[in-house]
Amino acid sequence: MFMRPHSPNLDVESILPRDAGEARRGGSGGGRGPNGQPEGAADAGPTVADRSIGALIAQTRNLGPEQVERILRHQRETGMRFGEAAIALGLASADDVMFALAQQFHYPYAPEERRRANPELVALNQPFGVQAESMRAIRSQLMMRLFNEGQPRRAVAIVSPDSGDGKTFFAANLAVVLAQLGGRTLLVDADLRHPRQHEVFGIDNAAGLSGILTGRTEARVIQQVAGVPNLFVLPVGVTPPNPLELVERPAFGLLMRELLTKFDHVVVDTPAGCYGSDSGVIAARCGAALVLARKDKGRIAALQDLVANLAETPAVLAGVVYNEF
């Protein structure tokens, strides 16, 4: 008896956050005013970009009128900027000033309390540090190699030979720096063996990719990251007993194609190569792969085998990154 493989009918709109349809890639953004803000937003007061650095610092530090006046007086006497004057008087820190600047320039930057909850998100917690700068340099290379105008639309799978290479950390921070460019970015946790992106971002993992691939109705499982308007995460959900079979089904390739019509960038986390052929299958469905290996730890033979296996798939190899962090 011939049995046709199960391929569920995917409704991508149903798994997006409720308000994501208005701003989806290529959409008309119904219900928005001429400046791109939701209709009625102009009545809600000045936007962050319209507010002064002083107002933002005062709000962040909960400064009273007397403290603000002290800063202004010191500013007039010394010719300093407001932020410099606030730091000099001990009423604000350099980090407070950078946070206010980031708000003005629409640059996602985690407030201090969130950094403790999500310490691995260095591109969000320490966007001006060495690690974040390294991630931006890699982003620039990817933009030239994969995301240029005229090139086919591809998701990029982050693959590595061994566990402990830092693949989850790398995928999460790559998604952050792509979102900081302003394009809608989706991070898909396709590590159906040892999922961890939900822990990195502190989001719910009750439902996700595994349920979608088995044909269950999983509504609104793509979750927006707090404080980063352009960043979304699709977690794994329930860890399945048959991870390789799920990503080999036609539904996974169909899902990737549909997601590429809704997001500007799609980054996919995968299981380490030592656990099986999952990463190669996922990379083939994504269309592109970026290989990660840990410096002074990764085995050359394992890295060569992984690259050779990827060469036999339709995936474009974007490059190899040595993780020093």
C-alpha atoms as a PDB file:
ATOM      1  CA  MET A   1       0.000   0.000   0.000  1.00  0.00           C
ATOM      2  CA  PHE A   2       1.375   3.426  -0.994  1.00  0.00           C
ATOM      3  CA  MET A   3       1.277   6.106   1.710  1.00  0.00           C
ATOM      4  CA  ARG A   4       1.793   9.761   0.831  1.00  0.00           C
ATOM      5  CA  PRO A   5       4.055  11.605   3.295  1.00  0.00           C
ATOM      6  CA  HIS A   6       2.262  13.887   5.709  1.00  0.00           C
ATOM      7  CA  SER A   7       2.639  17.548   4.700  1.00  0.00           C
ATOM      8  CA  PRO A   8       0.423  19.830   6.775  1.00  0.00           C
ATOM      9  CA  ASN A   9      -1.169  22.886   5.230  1.00  0.00           C
ATOM     10  CA  LEU A  10       0.804  25.719   6.812  1.00  0.00           C
ATOM     11  CA  ASP A  11      -0.887  28.982   7.701  1.00  0.00           C
ATOM     12  CA  VAL A  12       2.057  31.238   8.499  1.00  0.00           C
ATOM     13  CA  GLU A  13      -0.174  34.216   9.335  1.00  0.00           C
ATOM     14  CA  SER A  14      -1.663  32.269  12.251  1.00  0.00           C
ATOM     15  CA  ILE A  15       1.703  31.711  13.938  1.00  0.00           C
ATOM     16  CA  LEU A  16       2.773  35.367  13.745  1.00  0.00           C
ATOM     17  CA  PRO A  17       2.201  37.753  16.670  1.00  0.00           C
ATOM     18  CA  ARG A  18      -1.183  39.492  16.463  1.00  0.00           C
ATOM     19  CA  ASP A  19       0.196  42.854  15.349  1.00  0.00           C
ATOM     20  CA  ALA A  20       2.868  41.460  13.029  1.00  0.00           C
ATOM     21  CA  GLY A  21       0.619  41.339   9.989  1.00  0.00           C
ATOM     22  CA  GLU A  22       0.472  45.136   9.765  1.00  0.00           C
ATOM     23  CA  ALA A  23       4.227  45.524   9.568  1.00  0.00           C
ATOM     24  CA  ARG A  24       5.144  42.338   7.719  1.00  0.00           C
ATOM     25  CA  ARG A  25       7.671  42.519   4.954  1.00  0.00           C
ATOM     26  CA  GLY A  26       6.184  43.942   1.790  1.00  0.00           C
ATOM     27  CA  GLY A  27       2.853  44.618   3.481  1.00  0.00           C
ATOM     28  CA  SER A  28       0.944  47.836   3.172  1.00  0.00           C
ATOM     29  CA  GLY A  29       0.896  48.395   6.936  1.00  0.00           C
ATOM     30  CA  GLY A  30      -2.793  49.180   7.097  1.00  0.00           C
ATOM     31  CA  GLY A  31      -3.853  51.440   9.908  1.00  0.00           C
ATOM     32  CA  ARG A  32      -0.636  53.486   9.836  1.00  0.00           C
ATOM     33  CA  GLY A  33      -0.135  57.169   9.361  1.00  0.00           C
ATOM     34  CA  PRO A  34       2.159  58.914   6.864  1.00  0.00           C
ATOM     35  CA  ASN A  35       5.162  58.731   9.200  1.00  0.00           C
ATOM     36  CA  GLY A  36       4.881  54.958   9.611  1.00  0.00           C
ATOM     37  CA  GLN A  37       3.442  55.224  13.125  1.00  0.00           C
ATOM     38  CA  PRO A  38       0.117  53.562  13.956  1.00  0.00           C
ATOM     39  CA  GLU A  39      -2.812  55.839  13.319  1.00  0.00           C
ATOM     40  CA  GLY A  40      -3.474  57.994  16.339  1.00  0.00           C
ATOM     41  CA  ALA A  41       0.157  57.781  17.509  1.00  0.00           C
ATOM     42  CA  ALA A  42       0.617  61.490  16.896  1.00  0.00           C
ATOM     43  CA  ASP A  43      -1.890  62.176  19.640  1.00  0.00           C
ATOM     44  CA  ALA A  44       0.062  60.140  22.158  1.00  0.00           C
ATOM     45  CA  GLY A  45       2.757  62.802  22.665  1.00  0.00           C
ATOM     46  CA  PRO A  46       6.283  63.168  21.269  1.00  0.00           C
ATOM     47  CA  THR A  47       8.119  60.103  20.038  1.00  0.00           C
ATOM     48  CA  VAL A  48      11.402  59.042  21.655  1.00  0.00           C
ATOM     49  CA  ALA A  49      13.335  60.580  18.749  1.00  0.00           C
ATOM     50  CA  ASP A  50      11.675  63.958  19.412  1.00  0.00           C
ATOM     51  CA  ARG A  51      12.609  64.012  23.099  1.00  0.00           C
ATOM     52  CA  SER A  52      15.823  65.582  24.340  1.00  0.00           C
ATOM     53  CA  ILE A  53      18.654  63.586  25.838  1.00  0.00           C
ATOM     54  CA  GLY A  54      17.996  65.403  29.081  1.00  0.00           C
ATOM     55  CA  ALA A  55      14.379  64.260  29.198  1.00  0.00           C
ATOM     56  CA  LEU A  56      15.368  60.660  28.483  1.00  0.00           C
ATOM     57  CA  ILE A  57      18.090  60.634  31.150  1.00  0.00           C
ATOM     58  CA  ALA A  58      15.734  62.248  33.657  1.00  0.00           C
ATOM     59  CA  GLN A  59      13.160  59.541  32.977  1.00  0.00           C
ATOM     60  CA  THR A  60      15.705  56.713  33.163  1.00  0.00           C
ATOM     61  CA  ARG A  61      17.160  57.935  36.465  1.00  0.00           C
ATOM     62  CA  ASN A  62      13.831  59.190  37.824  1.00  0.00           C
ATOM     63  CA  LEU A  63      15.321  62.636  38.419  1.00  0.00           C
ATOM     64  CA  GLY A  64      13.218  65.317  40.088  1.00  0.00           C
ATOM     65  CA  PRO A  65      12.913  68.970  38.963  1.00  0.00           C
ATOM     66  CA  GLU A  66      15.558  70.143  41.475  1.00  0.00           C
ATOM     67  CA  GLN A  67      18.090  67.582  40.231  1.00  0.00           C
ATOM     68  CA  VAL A  68      17.415  68.490  36.599  1.00  0.00           C
ATOM     69  CA  GLU A  69      17.908  72.182  37.461  1.00  0.00           C
ATOM     70  CA  ARG A  70      21.263  71.353  39.128  1.00  0.00           C
ATOM     71  CA  ILE A  71      22.401  69.630  35.942  1.00  0.00           C
ATOM     72  CA  LEU A  72      21.242  72.512  33.748  1.00  0.00           C
ATOM     73  CA  ARG A  73      23.014  75.033  35.972  1.00  0.00           C
ATOM     74  CA  HIS A  74      26.234  73.019  35.855  1.00  0.00           C
ATOM     75  CA  GLN A  75      25.816  72.692  32.083  1.00  0.00           C
ATOM     76  CA  ARG A  76      25.551  76.484  31.683  1.00  0.00           C
ATOM     77  CA  GLU A  77      28.535  77.118  33.955  1.00  0.00           C
ATOM     78  CA  THR A  78      30.874  74.609  32.294  1.00  0.00           C
ATOM     79  CA  GLY A  79      29.620  74.428  28.699  1.00  0.00           C
ATOM     80  CA  MET A  80      29.218  70.667  29.021  1.00  0.00           C
ATOM     81  CA  ARG A  81      26.495  68.654  27.359  1.00  0.00           C
ATOM     82  CA  PHE A  82      23.592  67.636  29.579  1.00  0.00           C
ATOM     83  CA  GLY A  83      24.767  64.026  29.812  1.00  0.00           C
ATOM     84  CA  GLU A  84      28.328  65.042  30.693  1.00  0.00           C
ATOM     85  CA  ALA A  85      27.053  67.412  33.354  1.00  0.00           C
ATOM     86  CA  ALA A  86      24.811  64.722  34.845  1.00  0.00           C
ATOM     87  CA  ILE A  87      27.758  62.314  35.017  1.00  0.00           C
ATOM     88  CA  ALA A  88      30.004  64.957  36.583  1.00  0.00           C
ATOM     89  CA  LEU A  89      27.431  65.570  39.334  1.00  0.00           C
ATOM     90  CA  GLY A  90      26.965  61.860  39.960  1.00  0.00           C
ATOM     91  CA  LEU A  91      23.317  61.969  38.890  1.00  0.00           C
ATOM     92  CA  ALA A  92      23.770  59.659  35.902  1.00  0.00           C
ATOM     93  CA  SER A  93      26.263  57.148  34.589  1.00  0.00           C
ATOM     94  CA  ALA A  94      27.914  56.884  31.193  1.00  0.00           C
ATOM     95  CA  ASP A  95      25.698  53.862  30.600  1.00  0.00           C
ATOM     96  CA  ASP A  96      22.588  55.986  31.229  1.00  0.00           C
ATOM     97  CA  VAL A  97      23.750  58.460  28.579  1.00  0.00           C
ATOM     98  CA  MET A  98      24.450  55.701  26.041  1.00  0.00           C
ATOM     99  CA  PHE A  99      21.026  54.181  26.733  1.00  0.00           C
ATOM    100  CA  ALA A 100      19.359  57.558  26.106  1.00  0.00           C
ATOM    101  CA  LEU A 101      21.301  58.038  22.871  1.00  0.00           C
ATOM    102  CA  ALA A 102      20.334  54.551  21.738  1.00  0.00           C
ATOM    103  CA  GLN A 103      16.678  55.386  22.306  1.00  0.00           C
ATOM    104  CA  GLN A 104      16.963  58.580  20.286  1.00  0.00           C
ATOM    105  CA  PHE A 105      18.548  56.783  17.367  1.00  0.00           C
ATOM    106  CA  HIS A 106      16.125  53.809  17.534  1.00  0.00           C
ATOM    107  CA  TYR A 107      19.038  51.499  18.367  1.00  0.00           C
ATOM    108  CA  PRO A 108      17.913  48.567  20.540  1.00  0.00           C
ATOM    109  CA  TYR A 109      19.885  48.575  23.780  1.00  0.00           C
ATOM    110  CA  ALA A 110      18.858  46.537  26.830  1.00  0.00           C
ATOM    111  CA  PRO A 111      18.288  48.430  30.085  1.00  0.00           C
ATOM    112  CA  GLU A 112      20.390  47.317  33.040  1.00  0.00           C
ATOM    113  CA  GLU A 113      17.751  45.072  34.630  1.00  0.00           C
ATOM    114  CA  ARG A 114      17.293  43.071  31.422  1.00  0.00           C
ATOM    115  CA  ARG A 115      21.005  42.449  31.017  1.00  0.00           C
ATOM    116  CA  ARG A 116      21.075  40.305  34.126  1.00  0.00           C
ATOM    117  CA  ALA A 117      18.168  38.225  32.822  1.00  0.00           C
ATOM    118  CA  ASN A 118      19.688  37.671  29.341  1.00  0.00           C
ATOM    119  CA  PRO A 119      23.488  37.779  29.840  1.00  0.00           C
ATOM    120  CA  GLU A 120      24.295  35.948  26.580  1.00  0.00           C
ATOM    121  CA  LEU A 121      22.784  38.694  24.408  1.00  0.00           C
ATOM    122  CA  VAL A 122      25.988  40.732  24.257  1.00  0.00           C
ATOM    123  CA  ALA A 123      24.918  42.576  21.092  1.00  0.00           C
ATOM    124  CA  LEU A 124      21.909  43.902  23.013  1.00  0.00           C
ATOM    125  CA  ASN A 125      23.485  44.254  26.458  1.00  0.00           C
ATOM    126  CA  GLN A 126      26.873  45.642  25.392  1.00  0.00           C
ATOM    127  CA  PRO A 127      26.326  46.954  21.846  1.00  0.00           C
ATOM    128  CA  PHE A 128      29.501  49.043  21.933  1.00  0.00           C
ATOM    129  CA  GLY A 129      31.797  46.251  23.165  1.00  0.00           C
ATOM    130  CA  VAL A 130      34.335  44.091  21.326  1.00  0.00           C
ATOM    131  CA  GLN A 131      32.010  41.097  20.950  1.00  0.00           C
ATOM    132  CA  ALA A 132      29.186  43.191  19.500  1.00  0.00           C
ATOM    133  CA  GLU A 133      31.598  44.880  17.102  1.00  0.00           C
ATOM    134  CA  SER A 134      32.756  41.447  15.916  1.00  0.00           C
ATOM    135  CA  MET A 135      29.144  40.435  15.304  1.00  0.00           C
ATOM    136  CA  ARG A 136      28.568  43.598  13.263  1.00  0.00           C
ATOM    137  CA  ALA A 137      31.642  42.836  11.152  1.00  0.00           C
ATOM    138  CA  ILE A 138      30.231  39.369  10.400  1.00  0.00           C
ATOM    139  CA  ARG A 139      26.858  40.930   9.641  1.00  0.00           C
ATOM    140  CA  SER A 140      28.508  43.196   7.071  1.00  0.00           C
ATOM    141  CA  GLN A 141      30.096  40.206   5.365  1.00  0.00           C
ATOM    142  CA  LEU A 142      26.765  38.371   5.263  1.00  0.00           C
ATOM    143  CA  MET A 143      24.987  41.405   3.853  1.00  0.00           C
ATOM    144  CA  MET A 144      27.478  41.476   0.979  1.00  0.00           C
ATOM    145  CA  ARG A 145      27.551  37.729   0.374  1.00  0.00           C
ATOM    146  CA  LEU A 146      23.951  36.664   0.931  1.00  0.00           C
ATOM    147  CA  PHE A 147      21.572  39.579   1.272  1.00  0.00           C
ATOM    148  CA  ASN A 148      22.483  41.801  -1.660  1.00  0.00           C
ATOM    149  CA  GLU A 149      19.727  43.034  -3.927  1.00  0.00           C
ATOM    150  CA  GLY A 150      19.141  40.736  -6.864  1.00  0.00           C
ATOM    151  CA  GLN A 151      20.239  37.607  -5.006  1.00  0.00           C
ATOM    152  CA  PRO A 152      17.757  34.808  -4.275  1.00  0.00           C
ATOM    153  CA  ARG A 153      16.052  35.054  -0.889  1.00  0.00           C
ATOM    154  CA  ARG A 154      17.697  32.668   1.573  1.00  0.00           C
ATOM    155  CA  ALA A 155      17.565  31.880   5.247  1.00  0.00           C
ATOM    156  CA  VAL A 156      20.944  31.249   6.863  1.00  0.00           C
ATOM    157  CA  ALA A 157      21.526  28.160   9.006  1.00  0.00           C
ATOM    158  CA  ILE A 158      24.195  28.411  11.707  1.00  0.00           C
ATOM    159  CA  VAL A 159      25.979  25.046  11.850  1.00  0.00           C
ATOM    160  CA  SER A 160      28.924  23.698  13.814  1.00  0.00           C
ATOM    161  CA  PRO A 161      30.714  20.355  14.199  1.00  0.00           C
ATOM    162  CA  ASP A 162      30.502  19.941  17.977  1.00  0.00           C
ATOM    163  CA  SER A 163      28.455  20.959  20.973  1.00  0.00           C
ATOM    164  CA  GLY A 164      30.060  23.769  22.936  1.00  0.00           C
ATOM    165  CA  ASP A 165      31.129  25.671  19.812  1.00  0.00           C
ATOM    166  CA  GLY A 166      28.883  28.597  20.791  1.00  0.00           C
ATOM    167  CA  LYS A 167      26.363  28.156  17.992  1.00  0.00           C
ATOM    168  CA  THR A 168      23.290  29.175  20.006  1.00  0.00           C
ATOM    169  CA  PHE A 169      25.095  32.231  21.395  1.00  0.00           C
ATOM    170  CA  PHE A 170      26.259  33.177  17.901  1.00  0.00           C
ATOM    171  CA  ALA A 171      22.848  32.695  16.238  1.00  0.00           C
ATOM    172  CA  ALA A 172      21.099  34.762  18.907  1.00  0.00           C
ATOM    173  CA  ASN A 173      23.509  37.688  18.645  1.00  0.00           C
ATOM    174  CA  LEU A 174      23.592  37.560  14.850  1.00  0.00           C
ATOM    175  CA  ALA A 175      19.804  37.889  14.881  1.00  0.00           C
ATOM    176  CA  VAL A 176      20.091  40.887  17.220  1.00  0.00           C
ATOM    177  CA  VAL A 177      22.591  42.779  15.027  1.00  0.00           C
ATOM    178  CA  LEU A 178      20.521  42.061  11.910  1.00  0.00           C
ATOM    179  CA  ALA A 179      17.449  43.455  13.676  1.00  0.00           C
ATOM    180  CA  GLN A 180      19.454  46.532  14.697  1.00  0.00           C
ATOM    181  CA  LEU A 181      19.765  47.358  10.985  1.00  0.00           C
ATOM    182  CA  GLY A 182      16.000  47.941  10.972  1.00  0.00           C
ATOM    183  CA  GLY A 183      14.838  44.947   8.939  1.00  0.00           C
ATOM    184  CA  ARG A 184      12.348  42.459  10.372  1.00  0.00           C
ATOM    185  CA  THR A 185      14.432  39.526  11.608  1.00  0.00           C
ATOM    186  CA  LEU A 186      13.302  36.066  12.686  1.00  0.00           C
ATOM    187  CA  LEU A 187      15.402  33.622  14.694  1.00  0.00           C
ATOM    188  CA  VAL A 188      14.178  30.036  14.279  1.00  0.00           C
ATOM    189  CA  ASP A 189      15.323  27.510  16.868  1.00  0.00           C
ATOM    190  CA  ALA A 190      15.577  24.357  14.753  1.00  0.00           C
ATOM    191  CA  ASP A 191      17.804  22.557  17.262  1.00  0.00           C
ATOM    192  CA  LEU A 192      15.160  19.956  17.962  1.00  0.00           C
ATOM    193  CA  ARG A 193      17.626  17.931  20.037  1.00  0.00           C
ATOM    194  CA  HIS A 194      18.897  20.469  22.591  1.00  0.00           C
ATOM    195  CA  PRO A 195      16.898  23.694  22.156  1.00  0.00           C
ATOM    196  CA  ARG A 196      18.065  26.710  24.113  1.00  0.00           C
ATOM    197  CA  GLN A 197      17.003  29.917  22.359  1.00  0.00           C
ATOM    198  CA  HIS A 198      13.938  30.224  24.591  1.00  0.00           C
ATOM    199  CA  GLU A 199      16.300  30.336  27.589  1.00  0.00           C
ATOM    200  CA  VAL A 200      18.580  32.909  25.963  1.00  0.00           C
ATOM    201  CA  PHE A 201      15.670  35.273  25.231  1.00  0.00           C
ATOM    202  CA  GLY A 202      13.511  34.372  28.228  1.00  0.00           C
ATOM    203  CA  ILE A 203      10.427  33.484  26.175  1.00  0.00           C
ATOM    204  CA  ASP A 204       7.719  30.840  26.482  1.00  0.00           C
ATOM    205  CA  ASN A 205       8.543  27.422  25.018  1.00  0.00           C
ATOM    206  CA  ALA A 206       5.222  25.651  25.463  1.00  0.00           C
ATOM    207  CA  ALA A 207       4.654  25.469  21.707  1.00  0.00           C
ATOM    208  CA  GLY A 208       6.737  26.072  18.631  1.00  0.00           C
ATOM    209  CA  LEU A 209       8.420  24.585  15.580  1.00  0.00           C
ATOM    210  CA  SER A 210       7.956  20.931  16.500  1.00  0.00           C
ATOM    211  CA  GLY A 211       4.198  21.365  16.762  1.00  0.00           C
ATOM    212  CA  ILE A 212       4.021  23.170  13.415  1.00  0.00           C
ATOM    213  CA  LEU A 213       5.951  20.379  11.672  1.00  0.00           C
ATOM    214  CA  THR A 214       3.677  17.700  13.099  1.00  0.00           C
ATOM    215  CA  GLY A 215       0.586  19.491  11.824  1.00  0.00           C
ATOM    216  CA  ARG A 216      -0.754  20.700  15.144  1.00  0.00           C
ATOM    217  CA  THR A 217      -2.401  24.100  15.283  1.00  0.00           C
ATOM    218  CA  GLU A 218       0.121  26.374  16.943  1.00  0.00           C
ATOM    219  CA  ALA A 219      -1.239  29.931  17.011  1.00  0.00           C
ATOM    220  CA  ARG A 220       0.987  32.945  17.699  1.00  0.00           C
ATOM    221  CA  VAL A 221       4.095  30.885  18.483  1.00  0.00           C
ATOM    222  CA  ILE A 222       6.422  33.412  16.854  1.00  0.00           C
ATOM    223  CA  GLN A 223       7.200  35.784  19.696  1.00  0.00           C
ATOM    224  CA  GLN A 224       8.475  39.342  19.556  1.00  0.00           C
ATOM    225  CA  VAL A 225      11.542  40.099  21.682  1.00  0.00           C
ATOM    226  CA  ALA A 226      10.850  42.774  24.276  1.00  0.00           C
ATOM    227  CA  GLY A 227      12.699  45.994  23.583  1.00  0.00           C
ATOM    228  CA  VAL A 228      13.704  45.017  20.029  1.00  0.00           C
ATOM    229  CA  PRO A 229      10.782  45.926  17.729  1.00  0.00           C
ATOM    230  CA  ASN A 230      12.195  44.149  14.671  1.00  0.00           C
ATOM    231  CA  LEU A 231      13.282  40.875  16.306  1.00  0.00           C
ATOM    232  CA  PHE A 232      11.127  37.752  16.572  1.00  0.00           C
ATOM    233  CA  VAL A 233      11.855  34.211  17.793  1.00  0.00           C
ATOM    234  CA  LEU A 234      10.240  30.897  16.886  1.00  0.00           C
ATOM    235  CA  PRO A 235      11.142  28.454  19.691  1.00  0.00           C
ATOM    236  CA  VAL A 236      11.175  24.670  19.380  1.00  0.00           C
ATOM    237  CA  GLY A 237       8.305  23.922  21.721  1.00  0.00           C
ATOM    238  CA  VAL A 238       8.103  20.305  22.846  1.00  0.00           C
ATOM    239  CA  THR A 239      11.377  18.461  22.158  1.00  0.00           C
ATOM    240  CA  PRO A 240      10.378  15.635  19.777  1.00  0.00           C
ATOM    241  CA  PRO A 241      11.682  12.048  19.728  1.00  0.00           C
ATOM    242  CA  ASN A 242      12.206  12.160  15.935  1.00  0.00           C
ATOM    243  CA  PRO A 243      14.036  15.446  15.180  1.00  0.00           C
ATOM    244  CA  LEU A 244      15.676  14.404  11.907  1.00  0.00           C
ATOM    245  CA  GLU A 245      12.450  13.058  10.444  1.00  0.00           C
ATOM    246  CA  LEU A 246      10.648  16.325  11.217  1.00  0.00           C
ATOM    247  CA  VAL A 247      13.129  18.565   9.395  1.00  0.00           C
ATOM    248  CA  GLU A 248      13.279  16.138   6.447  1.00  0.00           C
ATOM    249  CA  ARG A 249       9.546  16.498   5.847  1.00  0.00           C
ATOM    250  CA  PRO A 250       8.432  18.820   3.038  1.00  0.00           C
ATOM    251  CA  ALA A 251       6.684  20.967   5.628  1.00  0.00           C
ATOM    252  CA  PHE A 252       9.971  22.369   6.916  1.00  0.00           C
ATOM    253  CA  GLY A 253      11.092  23.581   3.497  1.00  0.00           C
ATOM    254  CA  LEU A 254       7.646  25.030   2.863  1.00  0.00           C
ATOM    255  CA  LEU A 255       7.753  26.828   6.202  1.00  0.00           C
ATOM    256  CA  MET A 256      11.154  28.368   5.403  1.00  0.00           C
ATOM    257  CA  ARG A 257       9.912  29.653   2.054  1.00  0.00           C
ATOM    258  CA  GLU A 258       6.833  31.179   3.630  1.00  0.00           C
ATOM    259  CA  LEU A 259       8.791  32.823   6.442  1.00  0.00           C
ATOM    260  CA  LEU A 260      11.108  34.461   3.909  1.00  0.00           C
ATOM    261  CA  THR A 261       8.091  36.296   2.499  1.00  0.00           C
ATOM    262  CA  LYS A 262       7.276  37.730   5.941  1.00  0.00           C
ATOM    263  CA  PHE A 263      10.741  38.655   7.236  1.00  0.00           C
ATOM    264  CA  ASP A 264      13.769  40.450   5.823  1.00  0.00           C
ATOM    265  CA  HIS A 265      16.224  38.103   7.520  1.00  0.00           C
ATOM    266  CA  VAL A 266      15.751  34.559   8.832  1.00  0.00           C
ATOM    267  CA  VAL A 267      18.480  33.015  11.023  1.00  0.00           C
ATOM    268  CA  VAL A 268      18.185  29.326  11.947  1.00  0.00           C
ATOM    269  CA  ASP A 269      19.879  27.603  14.884  1.00  0.00           C
ATOM    270  CA  THR A 270      20.663  23.903  14.318  1.00  0.00           C
ATOM    271  CA  PRO A 271      21.904  20.847  16.245  1.00  0.00           C
ATOM    272  CA  ALA A 272      25.652  20.290  16.321  1.00  0.00           C
ATOM    273  CA  GLY A 273      26.975  18.082  13.521  1.00  0.00           C
ATOM    274  CA  CYS A 274      28.135  15.446  16.009  1.00  0.00           C
ATOM    275  CA  TYR A 275      24.499  14.537  16.715  1.00  0.00           C
ATOM    276  CA  GLY A 276      23.607  13.550  13.157  1.00  0.00           C
ATOM    277  CA  SER A 277      22.795  14.933   9.737  1.00  0.00           C
ATOM    278  CA  ASP A 278      20.135  17.375  10.948  1.00  0.00           C
ATOM    279  CA  SER A 279      22.246  20.486  10.304  1.00  0.00           C
ATOM    280  CA  GLY A 280      22.924  19.535   6.679  1.00  0.00           C
ATOM    281  CA  VAL A 281      19.254  18.885   6.010  1.00  0.00           C
ATOM    282  CA  ILE A 282      18.261  22.181   7.659  1.00  0.00           C
ATOM    283  CA  ALA A 283      20.925  24.116   5.730  1.00  0.00           C
ATOM    284  CA  ALA A 284      19.656  22.668   2.455  1.00  0.00           C
ATOM    285  CA  ARG A 285      16.111  23.832   3.265  1.00  0.00           C
ATOM    286  CA  CYS A 286      17.383  27.278   4.305  1.00  0.00           C
ATOM    287  CA  GLY A 287      19.477  27.857   1.212  1.00  0.00           C
ATOM    288  CA  ALA A 288      22.616  29.087   2.993  1.00  0.00           C
ATOM    289  CA  ALA A 289      24.883  28.008   5.829  1.00  0.00           C
ATOM    290  CA  LEU A 290      27.432  29.721   8.039  1.00  0.00           C
ATOM    291  CA  VAL A 291      29.848  27.336   9.773  1.00  0.00           C
ATOM    292  CA  LEU A 292      31.055  28.042  13.297  1.00  0.00           C
ATOM    293  CA  ALA A 293      33.998  26.441  15.083  1.00  0.00           C
ATOM    294  CA  ARG A 294      35.530  27.285  18.453  1.00  0.00           C
ATOM    295  CA  LYS A 295      39.094  28.478  18.377  1.00  0.00           C
ATOM    296  CA  ASP A 296      41.631  26.159  20.101  1.00  0.00           C
ATOM    297  CA  LYS A 297      38.894  23.569  20.721  1.00  0.00           C
ATOM    298  CA  GLY A 298      37.390  22.471  17.421  1.00  0.00           C
ATOM    299  CA  ARG A 299      38.880  19.499  15.605  1.00  0.00           C
ATOM    300  CA  ILE A 300      40.063  20.224  12.079  1.00  0.00           C
ATOM    301  CA  ALA A 301      38.919  16.815  10.818  1.00  0.00           C
ATOM    302  CA  ALA A 302      35.361  17.356  12.119  1.00  0.00           C
ATOM    303  CA  LEU A 303      35.253  20.825  10.577  1.00  0.00           C
ATOM    304  CA  GLN A 304      36.466  19.510   7.218  1.00  0.00           C
ATOM    305  CA  ASP A 305      33.869  16.725   7.274  1.00  0.00           C
ATOM    306  CA  LEU A 306      31.078  19.192   8.010  1.00  0.00           C
ATOM    307  CA  VAL A 307      32.131  21.551   5.216  1.00  0.00           C
ATOM    308  CA  ALA A 308      32.450  18.611   2.794  1.00  0.00           C
ATOM    309  CA  ASN A 309      28.958  17.403   3.684  1.00  0.00           C
ATOM    310  CA  LEU A 310      27.522  20.890   3.172  1.00  0.00           C
ATOM    311  CA  ALA A 311      29.187  21.052  -0.246  1.00  0.00           C
ATOM    312  CA  GLU A 312      26.977  18.153  -1.318  1.00  0.00           C
ATOM    313  CA  THR A 313      23.795  20.069  -0.473  1.00  0.00           C
ATOM    314  CA  PRO A 314      22.131  22.937  -2.373  1.00  0.00           C
ATOM    315  CA  ALA A 315      23.081  25.320   0.439  1.00  0.00           C
ATOM    316  CA  VAL A 316      25.413  28.224  -0.299  1.00  0.00           C
ATOM    317  CA  LEU A 317      28.357  28.210   2.122  1.00  0.00           C
ATOM    318  CA  ALA A 318      28.644  31.798   3.355  1.00  0.00           C
ATOM    319  CA  GLY A 319      31.882  31.185   5.228  1.00  0.00           C
ATOM    320  CA  VAL A 320      33.524  29.766   8.357  1.00  0.00           C
ATOM    321  CA  VAL A 321      33.744  31.713  11.597  1.00  0.00           C
ATOM    322  CA  TYR A 322      36.177  30.926  14.419  1.00  0.00           C
ATOM    323  CA  ASN A 323      34.565  31.724  17.745  1.00  0.00           C
ATOM    324  CA  GLU A 324      37.022  33.258  20.188  1.00  0.00           C
ATOM    325  CA  PHE A 325      34.437  34.081  22.872  1.00  0.00           C
END
